[in-house]
Structure formats: structure tokens, C-alpha cells
Amino acid sequence: MKFIDHLNVLFDNILAERDIRMMKVKMKISGGFRDFSTGRAIALIRSYISTIRKNRVNVIDGLILAFENVPWLPKLNFN
């Protein structure tokens, strides 16, 4: 078990599962979204927030950039 030997590894390193968990909870509690466009908008917002968190960017700063029409994008490294 890698997380025992390396403290920087999470014991449940399944980030993709963690990302969709809240959407599934929303569907269970309220029965889903009223229309497709609402669900799509929420999925896009949650995806953006998840990406900036994983890249250690302040969420508020990232959202401000998005509202200013210059969303944060990861730097691509083609080495």
C-alpha cells in the first residue's frame, strides 16, 4: 500500500470518483435537474472548480478570472 510508505499519497486516490460523488448525491436527493442545460451548466462549473483546486489555484481567484472572461488554464508542457 503506497499511502503507508508515502505520506503525500492519499489513501483514496480516486480523484475522478470524488469529483462525481456530489453530482450523484444531488441526483439522489432531488431526483436530478429540471432540464439538461441546468445539469450541463452545473457540471461545467464543478469541473472548472475541481481543475483549479487540483492545480493549487485559489478557487475565488479562479472564479474571478472566469467572470472576467479570462479563465485559468493549465500551462501545457511539451517536453
Protein backbone atom coordinates (compact mmCIF):
# COMPACT_ATOMS: atom_id res chain seq x y z
CA MET A 1 0.00 0.00 0.00
CA LYS A 2 1.68 3.08 -1.31
CA PHE A 3 -0.07 5.55 1.04
CA ILE A 4 1.50 3.86 4.07
CA ASP A 5 5.04 4.41 2.82
CA HIS A 6 4.47 7.81 1.21
CA LEU A 7 2.56 10.33 3.31
CA ASN A 8 1.82 12.60 0.32
CA VAL A 9 -0.30 9.88 -1.34
CA LEU A 10 -3.98 9.93 -0.38
CA PHE A 11 -5.43 6.65 0.89
CA ASP A 12 -8.31 7.00 -1.56
CA ASN A 13 -6.51 8.41 -4.58
CA ILE A 14 -9.52 8.04 -6.86
CA LEU A 15 -9.99 11.72 -7.69
CA ALA A 16 -12.39 11.07 -10.57
CA GLU A 17 -14.78 9.24 -8.26
CA ARG A 18 -14.59 12.04 -5.73
CA ASP A 19 -15.43 14.57 -8.46
CA ILE A 20 -18.67 12.89 -9.49
CA ARG A 21 -19.84 11.95 -6.00
CA MET A 22 -21.60 15.27 -5.28
CA MET A 23 -23.43 15.18 -8.60
CA LYS A 24 -24.71 11.70 -7.75
CA VAL A 25 -25.82 12.86 -4.30
CA LYS A 26 -27.70 15.78 -5.93
CA MET A 27 -29.45 13.35 -8.27
CA LYS A 28 -30.44 11.06 -5.37
CA ILE A 29 -31.76 13.85 -3.14
CA SER A 30 -33.69 15.95 -5.63
CA GLY A 31 -34.24 13.45 -8.40
CA GLY A 32 -31.93 15.23 -10.83
CA PHE A 33 -32.13 18.51 -12.67
CA ARG A 34 -35.18 20.04 -14.28
CA ASP A 35 -33.59 20.28 -17.69
CA PHE A 36 -30.44 19.21 -19.48
CA SER A 37 -28.97 22.72 -19.76
CA THR A 38 -29.03 23.20 -15.97
CA GLY A 39 -27.25 19.92 -15.36
CA ARG A 40 -24.71 20.73 -18.04
CA ALA A 41 -24.01 24.18 -16.57
CA ILE A 42 -23.51 22.77 -13.07
CA ALA A 43 -21.22 20.03 -14.43
CA LEU A 44 -19.09 22.62 -16.25
CA ILE A 45 -18.78 24.83 -13.17
CA ARG A 46 -17.89 21.91 -10.90
CA SER A 47 -15.34 20.64 -13.42
CA TYR A 48 -13.65 24.05 -13.61
CA ILE A 49 -13.52 24.37 -9.82
CA SER A 50 -12.15 20.83 -9.47
CA THR A 51 -9.43 21.52 -12.03
CA ILE A 52 -8.26 24.74 -10.41
CA ARG A 53 -8.23 23.08 -6.96
CA LYS A 54 -6.11 20.20 -8.24
CA ASN A 55 -3.65 22.73 -9.64
CA ARG A 56 -3.47 24.55 -6.29
CA VAL A 57 -5.11 27.72 -7.59
CA ASN A 58 -7.27 29.71 -5.19
CA VAL A 59 -10.90 28.94 -6.08
CA ILE A 60 -12.09 32.53 -5.57
CA ASP A 61 -9.28 33.88 -7.76
CA GLY A 62 -10.10 31.29 -10.42
CA LEU A 63 -13.79 32.18 -10.38
CA ILE A 64 -13.00 35.90 -10.62
CA LEU A 65 -10.84 35.19 -13.68
CA ALA A 66 -13.69 33.20 -15.23
CA PHE A 67 -16.17 36.04 -14.67
CA GLU A 68 -13.65 38.45 -16.22
CA ASN A 69 -13.69 36.19 -19.31
CA VAL A 70 -10.06 35.08 -18.87
CA PRO A 71 -10.45 31.65 -17.20
CA TRP A 72 -7.46 29.98 -15.64
CA LEU A 73 -5.90 27.39 -17.92
CA PRO A 74 -3.13 24.94 -17.04
CA LYS A 75 0.25 25.58 -18.59
CA LEU A 76 0.98 22.96 -21.21
CA ASN A 77 4.41 21.39 -21.10
CA PHE A 78 5.52 19.60 -24.26
CA ASN A 79 8.96 18.41 -23.09
